[in-house]
Protein backbone atom coordinates (compact mmCIF):
# COMPACT_ATOMS: atom_id res chain seq x y z
CA UNK A 1 -6.14 -13.52 -39.19
CA UNK A 2 -7.75 -14.49 -35.85
CA UNK A 3 -5.83 -15.06 -32.63
CA UNK A 4 -6.08 -18.28 -30.74
CA UNK A 5 -6.52 -18.08 -26.99
CA UNK A 6 -5.44 -20.92 -24.72
CA UNK A 7 -7.04 -20.95 -21.31
CA UNK A 8 -6.89 -22.96 -18.21
CA UNK A 9 -9.76 -23.28 -15.81
CA UNK A 10 -8.66 -23.90 -12.24
CA UNK A 11 -11.11 -24.71 -9.53
CA UNK A 12 -10.08 -24.06 -5.96
CA UNK A 13 -11.22 -26.66 -3.48
CA UNK A 14 -10.17 -25.19 -0.16
CA UNK A 15 -10.62 -27.10 3.01
CA UNK A 16 -11.98 -25.49 6.19
CA UNK A 17 -8.58 -24.27 7.26
CA UNK A 18 -8.04 -22.51 3.97
CA UNK A 19 -11.56 -21.01 3.98
CA UNK A 20 -10.96 -19.53 7.44
CA UNK A 21 -7.60 -18.09 6.30
CA UNK A 22 -9.17 -16.58 3.23
CA UNK A 23 -11.91 -14.93 5.31
CA UNK A 24 -9.36 -13.51 7.68
CA UNK A 25 -7.18 -12.21 4.87
CA UNK A 26 -10.17 -10.57 3.10
CA UNK A 27 -11.40 -9.10 6.33
CA UNK A 28 -7.99 -7.59 7.13
CA UNK A 29 -7.74 -6.18 3.65
CA UNK A 30 -11.22 -4.59 4.01
CA UNK A 31 -10.26 -3.18 7.40
CA UNK A 32 -7.08 -1.59 6.03
CA UNK A 33 -8.88 -0.13 3.00
CA UNK A 34 -11.77 1.26 5.04
CA UNK A 35 -9.44 2.70 7.69
CA UNK A 36 -7.26 4.31 4.97
CA UNK A 37 -10.32 5.68 3.15
CA UNK A 38 -11.60 7.36 6.32
CA UNK A 39 -8.28 8.92 7.03
CA UNK A 40 -7.82 9.99 3.37
CA UNK A 41 -11.29 11.64 3.36
CA UNK A 42 -10.54 13.39 6.65
CA UNK A 43 -7.24 14.80 5.16
CA UNK A 44 -9.00 15.74 1.88
CA UNK A 45 -11.69 17.71 3.77
CA UNK A 46 -8.98 19.56 5.74
CA UNK A 47 -7.11 20.37 2.49
CA UNK A 48 -4.15 18.25 3.37
CA UNK A 49 -2.71 15.97 0.62
CA UNK A 50 -2.65 12.47 1.96
CA UNK A 51 0.17 10.11 1.15
CA UNK A 52 -0.42 6.39 1.02
CA UNK A 53 2.97 5.56 2.47
CA UNK A 54 2.33 7.81 5.49
CA UNK A 55 -1.03 6.19 5.97
CA UNK A 56 0.46 2.75 5.81
CA UNK A 57 2.98 3.75 8.49
CA UNK A 58 0.19 5.05 10.71
CA UNK A 59 -1.82 1.80 10.23
CA UNK A 60 1.29 -0.30 10.99
CA UNK A 61 1.76 1.62 14.24
CA UNK A 62 -1.84 0.97 15.21
CA UNK A 63 -1.63 -2.59 14.06
CA UNK A 64 0.60 -3.48 17.03
CA UNK A 65 -1.78 -2.04 19.65
CA UNK A 66 -5.34 -2.16 18.23
CA UNK A 67 -5.40 -4.64 15.34
CA UNK A 68 -3.08 -7.38 16.59
CA UNK A 69 -5.14 -10.03 14.72
CA UNK A 70 -3.81 -8.92 11.34
CA UNK A 71 -0.50 -10.69 12.09
CA UNK A 72 -2.38 -13.93 11.48
CA UNK A 73 -2.42 -13.40 7.69
CA UNK A 74 0.18 -12.35 5.07
CA UNK A 75 1.49 -8.85 5.24
CA UNK A 76 0.31 -8.12 1.72
CA UNK A 77 -3.34 -8.29 2.84
CA UNK A 78 -2.89 -4.97 4.67
CA UNK A 79 -0.29 -3.34 2.31
CA UNK A 80 -2.00 -3.69 -1.07
CA UNK A 81 -5.24 -1.81 -0.08
CA UNK A 82 -3.21 1.37 0.48
CA UNK A 83 -1.78 1.09 -3.04
CA UNK A 84 -5.25 0.64 -4.45
CA UNK A 85 -6.52 3.54 -2.40
CA UNK A 86 -3.73 5.74 -3.77
CA UNK A 87 -4.60 4.77 -7.43
CA UNK A 88 -8.28 5.48 -6.74
CA UNK A 89 -7.61 8.96 -5.38
CA UNK A 90 -5.15 9.75 -8.12
CA UNK A 91 -7.80 8.96 -10.67
CA UNK A 92 -10.33 10.95 -8.67
CA UNK A 93 -8.13 13.93 -8.52
CA UNK A 94 -7.01 13.56 -12.16
CA UNK A 95 -3.36 13.11 -11.34
């Protein structure tokens, strides 16, 4: 017996304000991921086991002084990359 799939195709039609917001959010996510990746690699080379929660705390402390622009987007844009980074390193290390 075959299964029937029902799908919905949704097209986003963002205006200029939304496009600008999306670009800011994606840029902040990319910044957080790249910053976390650099710190994680640094810890890995020193033989220290990095923790994504600790990295997130460090990033949040820097956010107030160096990366003040990330407050213009949702907080999840800078939180989720650390979770993805943790999953990537756990798979890399075979945990």
